[in-house]
Every structure is written in C-alpha cells, then in structure tokens.
C-alpha cells in the first residue's frame, strides 16, 4: 500500500467560480507548490482556464500535476444536463493532455479522476448535516439524477477518465441512505466512489466505518477536518454549508475532531493505494491564511506517516 497527499483549490476558498473574492488561479498553483504538493485538483469548472498550453506552463512552473477534474453542479435538473455534459467534455479534453501522475501498486484506476458532485439546491443546502430534516428526491427525480450521472460517467470513460461519485454536504447525495442508493444504482464498471472524511463526519457518519464499508468501491479519497465547536454551533443555525465553512467549520488536518492515525490504520487495513486530497473549505476573503493552513495540514499528515 502506498499513498500520496495532494491539494485542492477549495483550500483557498475556491468553490463558486462566480464569487468575486476568489484569488487568482496562478497564485493558488504557486502556493500549492510552496506547500510541497506535487499534484492538485483542477477545481470547479471555469476556475482554471480550459487551455492546455496556459495550464501546462503554470503546472510546470510549480512542479505540479492535476489529480482530478470536478463536476460540481445541479445533477437533478433535466435543463442542466447538456451543460454538465459540456463541462465533462471540456474538462476531460484538458486533463487528458496534461502530465500524468505515477500509478501506485494496488491503485484501482490511474489518475486523472473526475469527481462528480451534485450541488445547487437551497432546500438541501440549508439542511446540510441534518439527515432527519433534509428533503429527499422522489423516485422519479432520483432516477433522473441517476441517468444524468451515468451519462457524465460514460462520457468521461470515453476519454479514459475514471469518474468517482463524491457525496457532498448540502447536495442530494449526502447521507447514508443516498450513498447506499448510489452504490446500488451506478455500476462500479462505470464509476467508483470518492469518500470525503469531513463530509462523512459533517453528515453524521463515522469516516473509518464508511471507508471500510465501501473499500471495494473506493477509488479516491478526500481528507478534511472539522472544528467541533464551530460545527456544533452551525448545526443549530439555519445556514448554508459554505456559510458554515466561512465561519470556520473546517480546520487544518490534525486540529479538529477526526482521528487521522485511526483513518490511516483503516486505509492500511483495506489496502487503499493511490491519491488523497486535502480540502479545507473557507471564505475566499480569508485566503491569505490558506498557505499557512495547508502547510499545517501537510506537516501533520507527514508526522503521522503519510507521504506527499
């Protein structure tokens, strides 16, 4: 078993490309390199330019590769389906022309991956972390979302890109019953899972338990940590998920509630090999502390045996 730690633009507050406070993408790549990363995610569609030469130049300058692209959008609406398919094509055309990362022995699929996340529904955003009060899709709506997800995953597969479905707090794939339904309805030959320790915890699940439960479907992993005091506070508020993150619900790895030595033991027990990406969602207006926090996460993980 071998694993490498990577980064993601959300550590700099990059989640909504329309947010006027986002830091320049060139700065994010520069600071990712300074943090010691050798790979980073592409981030949400439209943040990095869909331009092979331009992106390659900055990656090379900072000794980085791309570990994954991202679909982070409304996957339920039929009206948005062609939009997400277009995103999938453009992202795949870009990331398949960039330098490749090494394949670890035992890694299920080579990078780059395509993380697929549902997002953009107020009724679920305000219920993030609350399984008991979050509305669920009807059977017909669920089947429509499954058809869209399968279409995205098939399109990525045509480019040789492995799609991984990422349960995300505040979307329609968040809680235990929805993860179980995804595994039931999307064949592994089409897509694996990207489980995120912080989202699992935020949404009432034990990360180690769920990593074990779906070890055979686990192609990619995200790490984050949760500030317990802030988490308990925001659960009492009517608040969107990223507003909770803006208040500091996510913190550097090792500074929060999650037990990363135990998670490492779990990953070793299930024989996970490949890539793990650190995330710490925040308000981009606080991105001046991103490099400090990313370095703290990296140093902590190295101290308990992970490799960059």
Protein backbone atom coordinates (compact mmCIF):
# COMPACT_ATOMS: atom_id res chain seq x y z
CA UNK A 1 0.00 0.00 0.00
CA UNK A 2 1.26 3.49 -0.89
CA UNK A 3 -0.45 6.86 -0.85
CA UNK A 4 0.37 10.44 -1.84
CA UNK A 5 -1.25 13.61 -0.49
CA UNK A 6 -2.49 16.25 -2.95
CA UNK A 7 -4.24 19.62 -2.73
CA UNK A 8 -7.38 21.36 -3.95
CA UNK A 9 -8.32 24.98 -4.75
CA UNK A 10 -11.13 24.89 -2.16
CA UNK A 11 -8.41 25.33 0.47
CA UNK A 12 -8.17 28.86 -0.95
CA UNK A 13 -11.95 29.32 -0.85
CA UNK A 14 -12.49 28.35 -4.49
CA UNK A 15 -15.89 26.67 -4.74
CA UNK A 16 -18.13 29.11 -6.62
CA UNK A 17 -16.47 30.49 -9.75
CA UNK A 18 -18.84 33.47 -9.63
CA UNK A 19 -17.56 34.56 -6.21
CA UNK A 20 -15.88 37.95 -6.73
CA UNK A 21 -13.31 37.36 -3.99
CA UNK A 22 -11.53 34.32 -5.47
CA UNK A 23 -7.73 34.52 -5.51
CA UNK A 24 -6.01 34.27 -8.91
CA UNK A 25 -5.57 30.67 -10.06
CA UNK A 26 -1.89 31.30 -10.69
CA UNK A 27 -1.45 32.23 -7.02
CA UNK A 28 -3.21 29.05 -5.92
CA UNK A 29 -0.87 26.91 -8.03
CA UNK A 30 2.15 28.84 -6.78
CA UNK A 31 1.21 28.37 -3.12
CA UNK A 32 0.29 24.71 -3.69
CA UNK A 33 3.83 24.17 -4.95
CA UNK A 34 5.25 26.08 -1.98
CA UNK A 35 3.27 23.82 0.36
CA UNK A 36 5.11 20.83 -1.07
CA UNK A 37 2.31 19.37 -3.16
CA UNK A 38 3.18 17.56 -6.36
CA UNK A 39 -0.45 17.48 -7.53
CA UNK A 40 -3.65 19.49 -7.17
CA UNK A 41 -7.24 19.25 -8.35
CA UNK A 42 -8.45 21.39 -11.22
CA UNK A 43 -11.15 22.95 -9.06
CA UNK A 44 -14.65 23.95 -10.21
CA UNK A 45 -15.28 24.29 -13.93
CA UNK A 46 -14.18 27.68 -15.18
CA UNK A 47 -11.65 28.49 -12.44
CA UNK A 48 -8.55 27.32 -14.27
CA UNK A 49 -8.75 28.15 -17.96
CA UNK A 50 -9.61 25.34 -20.36
CA UNK A 51 -6.33 25.95 -22.16
CA UNK A 52 -3.74 23.18 -22.27
CA UNK A 53 -0.75 25.42 -23.01
CA UNK A 54 -1.60 28.00 -20.38
CA UNK A 55 -2.33 25.46 -17.64
CA UNK A 56 0.66 23.27 -18.54
CA UNK A 57 3.00 26.25 -18.26
CA UNK A 58 1.83 27.10 -14.73
CA UNK A 59 1.82 23.47 -13.60
CA UNK A 60 5.37 23.02 -14.87
CA UNK A 61 6.48 26.26 -13.22
CA UNK A 62 5.23 24.97 -9.86
CA UNK A 63 6.19 21.29 -10.29
CA UNK A 64 2.57 20.18 -10.17
CA UNK A 65 0.26 17.75 -11.95
CA UNK A 66 -3.56 17.54 -11.97
CA UNK A 67 -5.01 14.68 -9.93
CA UNK A 68 -8.69 15.29 -10.78
CA UNK A 69 -11.22 17.47 -12.52
CA UNK A 70 -14.56 18.34 -11.00
CA UNK A 71 -18.23 18.39 -11.90
CA UNK A 72 -19.91 20.38 -9.11
CA UNK A 73 -23.35 21.34 -10.36
CA UNK A 74 -27.06 20.58 -10.40
CA UNK A 75 -27.27 16.94 -11.48
CA UNK A 76 -31.02 16.65 -10.94
CA UNK A 77 -32.42 19.14 -13.46
CA UNK A 78 -33.00 17.93 -17.00
CA UNK A 79 -32.49 21.52 -18.16
CA UNK A 80 -28.91 21.48 -16.81
CA UNK A 81 -27.87 18.10 -18.21
CA UNK A 82 -26.42 19.32 -21.50
CA UNK A 83 -24.47 21.96 -19.58
CA UNK A 84 -22.79 19.38 -17.33
CA UNK A 85 -22.07 17.12 -20.30
CA UNK A 86 -20.34 20.06 -22.00
CA UNK A 87 -18.31 20.67 -18.84
CA UNK A 88 -17.36 17.00 -18.75
CA UNK A 89 -16.08 17.05 -22.33
CA UNK A 90 -14.05 20.24 -21.89
CA UNK A 91 -12.53 19.11 -18.59
CA UNK A 92 -11.63 15.68 -19.98
CA UNK A 93 -10.09 17.22 -23.09
CA UNK A 94 -7.89 19.35 -20.84
CA UNK A 95 -6.82 16.92 -18.12
CA UNK A 96 -6.02 14.07 -20.50
CA UNK A 97 -3.43 16.27 -22.23
CA UNK A 98 -1.57 17.17 -19.03
CA UNK A 99 1.39 15.30 -17.44
CA UNK A 100 0.39 12.05 -15.77
CA UNK A 101 0.92 11.06 -12.16
CA UNK A 102 2.52 7.74 -11.28
CA UNK A 103 0.26 4.76 -10.71
CA UNK A 104 0.71 3.14 -7.30
CA UNK A 105 0.79 -0.61 -6.97
CA UNK A 106 -2.73 -1.61 -5.95
CA UNK A 107 -4.31 1.63 -7.17
CA UNK A 108 -7.71 0.81 -8.67
CA UNK A 109 -7.57 3.25 -11.59
CA UNK A 110 -4.96 5.72 -12.85
CA UNK A 111 -5.44 9.47 -12.49
CA UNK A 112 -6.72 11.94 -13.50
CA UNK A 113 -10.14 11.35 -11.98
CA UNK A 114 -13.41 13.20 -12.47
CA UNK A 115 -15.13 13.88 -9.15
CA UNK A 116 -18.89 14.09 -9.69
CA UNK A 117 -20.91 16.05 -7.11
CA UNK A 118 -24.49 17.26 -7.03
CA UNK A 119 -24.93 20.87 -5.94
CA UNK A 120 -27.22 23.88 -6.19
CA UNK A 121 -30.42 23.19 -4.25
CA UNK A 122 -31.37 25.61 -1.47
CA UNK A 123 -33.69 23.14 0.24
CA UNK A 124 -30.77 20.75 0.73
CA UNK A 125 -28.07 23.37 1.29
CA UNK A 126 -29.87 24.69 4.37
CA UNK A 127 -30.30 21.12 5.64
CA UNK A 128 -26.63 20.12 5.33
CA UNK A 129 -25.69 17.79 8.16
CA UNK A 130 -29.34 17.17 9.12
CA UNK A 131 -30.47 13.83 7.71
CA UNK A 132 -33.70 13.95 9.68
CA UNK A 133 -34.97 17.15 8.09
CA UNK A 134 -33.34 17.13 4.65
CA UNK A 135 -35.92 16.56 1.87
CA UNK A 136 -35.28 13.57 -0.38
CA UNK A 137 -35.85 13.27 -4.11
CA UNK A 138 -38.89 11.39 -5.34
CA UNK A 139 -38.21 8.04 -7.02
CA UNK A 140 -38.71 9.70 -10.40
CA UNK A 141 -36.32 12.56 -9.59
CA UNK A 142 -33.72 10.13 -8.24
CA UNK A 143 -33.89 8.04 -11.41
CA UNK A 144 -33.47 11.20 -13.49
CA UNK A 145 -30.37 12.18 -11.50
CA UNK A 146 -29.00 8.65 -11.90
CA UNK A 147 -29.47 8.87 -15.66
CA UNK A 148 -27.57 12.17 -15.71
CA UNK A 149 -24.76 10.81 -13.54
CA UNK A 150 -24.41 7.71 -15.69
CA UNK A 151 -24.26 9.92 -18.78
CA UNK A 152 -21.49 12.05 -17.26
CA UNK A 153 -19.54 8.98 -16.16
CA UNK A 154 -19.90 7.33 -19.56
CA UNK A 155 -18.69 10.48 -21.30
CA UNK A 156 -15.64 10.64 -19.01
CA UNK A 157 -14.97 6.96 -19.64
CA UNK A 158 -14.85 7.65 -23.38
CA UNK A 159 -11.82 9.86 -22.66
CA UNK A 160 -10.21 7.27 -20.39
CA UNK A 161 -11.04 9.31 -17.28
CA UNK A 162 -12.30 7.45 -14.21
CA UNK A 163 -15.40 9.06 -12.74
CA UNK A 164 -15.77 8.96 -8.95
CA UNK A 165 -19.01 10.00 -7.25
CA UNK A 166 -18.44 12.27 -4.26
CA UNK A 167 -21.13 12.56 -1.55
CA UNK A 168 -21.19 16.24 -0.55
CA UNK A 169 -22.89 18.03 2.35
CA UNK A 170 -25.69 20.22 1.05
CA UNK A 171 -26.38 18.27 -2.14
CA UNK A 172 -28.76 15.44 -2.97
CA UNK A 173 -26.04 12.81 -2.43
CA UNK A 174 -25.04 13.31 1.19
CA UNK A 175 -26.48 10.90 3.73
CA UNK A 176 -26.14 7.18 4.38
CA UNK A 177 -29.29 6.17 2.52
CA UNK A 178 -28.22 8.19 -0.55
CA UNK A 179 -24.70 6.75 -0.63
CA UNK A 180 -26.19 3.25 -0.40
CA UNK A 181 -28.56 4.08 -3.26
CA UNK A 182 -25.68 5.36 -5.42
CA UNK A 183 -23.80 2.10 -4.91
CA UNK A 184 -26.96 0.18 -5.77
CA UNK A 185 -27.81 2.18 -8.89
CA UNK A 186 -24.45 3.04 -10.50
CA UNK A 187 -22.39 0.00 -11.55
CA UNK A 188 -18.75 0.00 -10.46
CA UNK A 189 -17.63 -0.57 -14.03
CA UNK A 190 -18.94 2.93 -14.74
CA UNK A 191 -17.91 4.86 -11.61
CA UNK A 192 -16.29 4.41 -8.24
CA UNK A 193 -16.58 6.42 -5.05
CA UNK A 194 -14.62 9.35 -3.70
CA UNK A 195 -15.36 9.39 0.01
CA UNK A 196 -14.56 12.55 1.95
CA UNK A 197 -13.78 12.11 5.64
CA UNK A 198 -15.02 15.59 6.55
CA UNK A 199 -18.30 15.35 4.66
CA UNK A 200 -18.97 11.93 6.17
CA UNK A 201 -18.41 13.33 9.66
CA UNK A 202 -20.40 16.50 8.99
CA UNK A 203 -23.32 14.39 7.78
CA UNK A 204 -23.39 12.04 10.77
CA UNK A 205 -21.24 9.11 9.61
CA UNK A 206 -18.05 7.64 11.03
CA UNK A 207 -15.30 8.05 8.38
CA UNK A 208 -13.40 4.88 9.21
CA UNK A 209 -16.57 2.80 9.22
CA UNK A 210 -17.62 4.07 5.79
CA UNK A 211 -14.16 3.73 4.26
CA UNK A 212 -14.26 0.08 5.32
CA UNK A 213 -17.85 -0.40 4.17
CA UNK A 214 -17.08 0.63 0.60
CA UNK A 215 -13.43 -0.37 0.34
CA UNK A 216 -14.10 -2.27 -2.88
CA UNK A 217 -15.67 0.81 -4.50
CA UNK A 218 -13.17 3.35 -3.14
CA UNK A 219 -11.08 4.80 -5.96
CA UNK A 220 -10.15 8.17 -4.45
CA UNK A 221 -10.24 9.85 -1.02
CA UNK A 222 -10.61 13.41 0.27
CA UNK A 223 -9.38 14.47 3.70
CA UNK A 224 -10.65 17.36 5.76
CA UNK A 225 -11.04 18.09 9.45
CA UNK A 226 -13.90 19.60 11.45
CA UNK A 227 -13.71 22.18 14.23
CA UNK A 228 -16.11 20.60 16.71
CA UNK A 229 -17.08 23.81 18.50
CA UNK A 230 -17.98 25.63 15.28
CA UNK A 231 -19.66 22.52 13.87
CA UNK A 232 -21.96 22.20 16.87
CA UNK A 233 -22.79 25.90 16.65
CA UNK A 234 -23.67 25.91 12.95
CA UNK A 235 -25.84 22.82 13.33
CA UNK A 236 -28.10 24.99 15.47
CA UNK A 237 -28.39 27.68 12.78
CA UNK A 238 -30.30 27.92 9.52
CA UNK A 239 -27.19 28.18 7.43
CA UNK A 240 -25.82 27.10 4.07
CA UNK A 241 -22.93 24.63 4.02
CA UNK A 242 -20.36 27.09 2.67
CA UNK A 243 -21.56 29.76 5.11
CA UNK A 244 -20.73 27.25 7.86
CA UNK A 245 -17.31 26.78 6.29
CA UNK A 246 -16.90 30.55 6.19
CA UNK A 247 -17.38 30.55 9.98
CA UNK A 248 -14.55 28.04 10.34
CA UNK A 249 -16.36 24.68 10.44
CA UNK A 250 -13.41 23.17 8.56
CA UNK A 251 -9.94 23.48 10.04
CA UNK A 252 -6.40 22.26 9.27
CA UNK A 253 -5.95 18.49 9.38
CA UNK A 254 -4.99 17.42 12.89
CA UNK A 255 -6.60 20.44 14.57
CA UNK A 256 -10.15 19.07 14.61
CA UNK A 257 -12.31 16.14 15.61
CA UNK A 258 -11.21 13.49 13.14
CA UNK A 259 -8.76 10.79 14.18
CA UNK A 260 -6.21 10.64 11.36
CA UNK A 261 -3.95 7.97 12.87
CA UNK A 262 -7.06 5.76 13.06
CA UNK A 263 -8.03 6.70 9.49
CA UNK A 264 -4.52 5.79 8.34
CA UNK A 265 -4.85 2.40 10.06
CA UNK A 266 -8.20 1.94 8.29
CA UNK A 267 -6.74 2.76 4.89
CA UNK A 268 -3.91 0.33 5.51
CA UNK A 269 -6.34 -2.35 6.67
CA UNK A 270 -8.41 -2.07 3.48
CA UNK A 271 -5.28 -1.84 1.30
CA UNK A 272 -6.02 1.58 -0.17
CA UNK A 273 -3.34 2.76 -2.59
CA UNK A 274 -3.25 5.93 -4.63
CA UNK A 275 -4.07 9.57 -4.01
CA UNK A 276 -5.64 11.53 -1.17
CA UNK A 277 -6.56 15.20 -1.49
CA UNK A 278 -6.64 17.66 1.41
CA UNK A 279 -9.54 20.10 1.48
CA UNK A 280 -10.39 22.91 3.88
CA UNK A 281 -13.32 24.93 2.58
CA UNK A 282 -13.29 28.57 3.61
CA UNK A 283 -14.40 32.05 2.66
CA UNK A 284 -12.03 33.17 -0.13
CA UNK A 285 -11.72 36.52 1.65
CA UNK A 286 -9.65 34.58 4.19
CA UNK A 287 -7.34 33.01 1.60
CA UNK A 288 -4.40 34.99 2.96
CA UNK A 289 -4.11 32.24 5.61
CA UNK A 290 -4.54 29.36 3.16
CA UNK A 291 -0.84 28.62 2.65
CA UNK A 292 -0.28 28.63 6.42
CA UNK A 293 -3.15 26.18 6.97
CA UNK A 294 -2.25 23.93 4.05
CA UNK A 295 1.32 23.68 5.35
CA UNK A 296 -0.02 22.82 8.80
CA UNK A 297 -2.19 20.04 7.33
CA UNK A 298 0.70 18.69 5.28
CA UNK A 299 3.11 18.71 8.22
CA UNK A 300 0.60 17.00 10.48
CA UNK A 301 -0.11 14.23 7.99
CA UNK A 302 3.61 13.70 7.40
CA UNK A 303 4.10 13.46 11.18
CA UNK A 304 1.67 10.53 11.37
CA UNK A 305 3.16 8.68 8.39
CA UNK A 306 1.58 9.98 5.18
CA UNK A 307 3.68 10.92 2.14
CA UNK A 308 3.36 13.97 -0.12
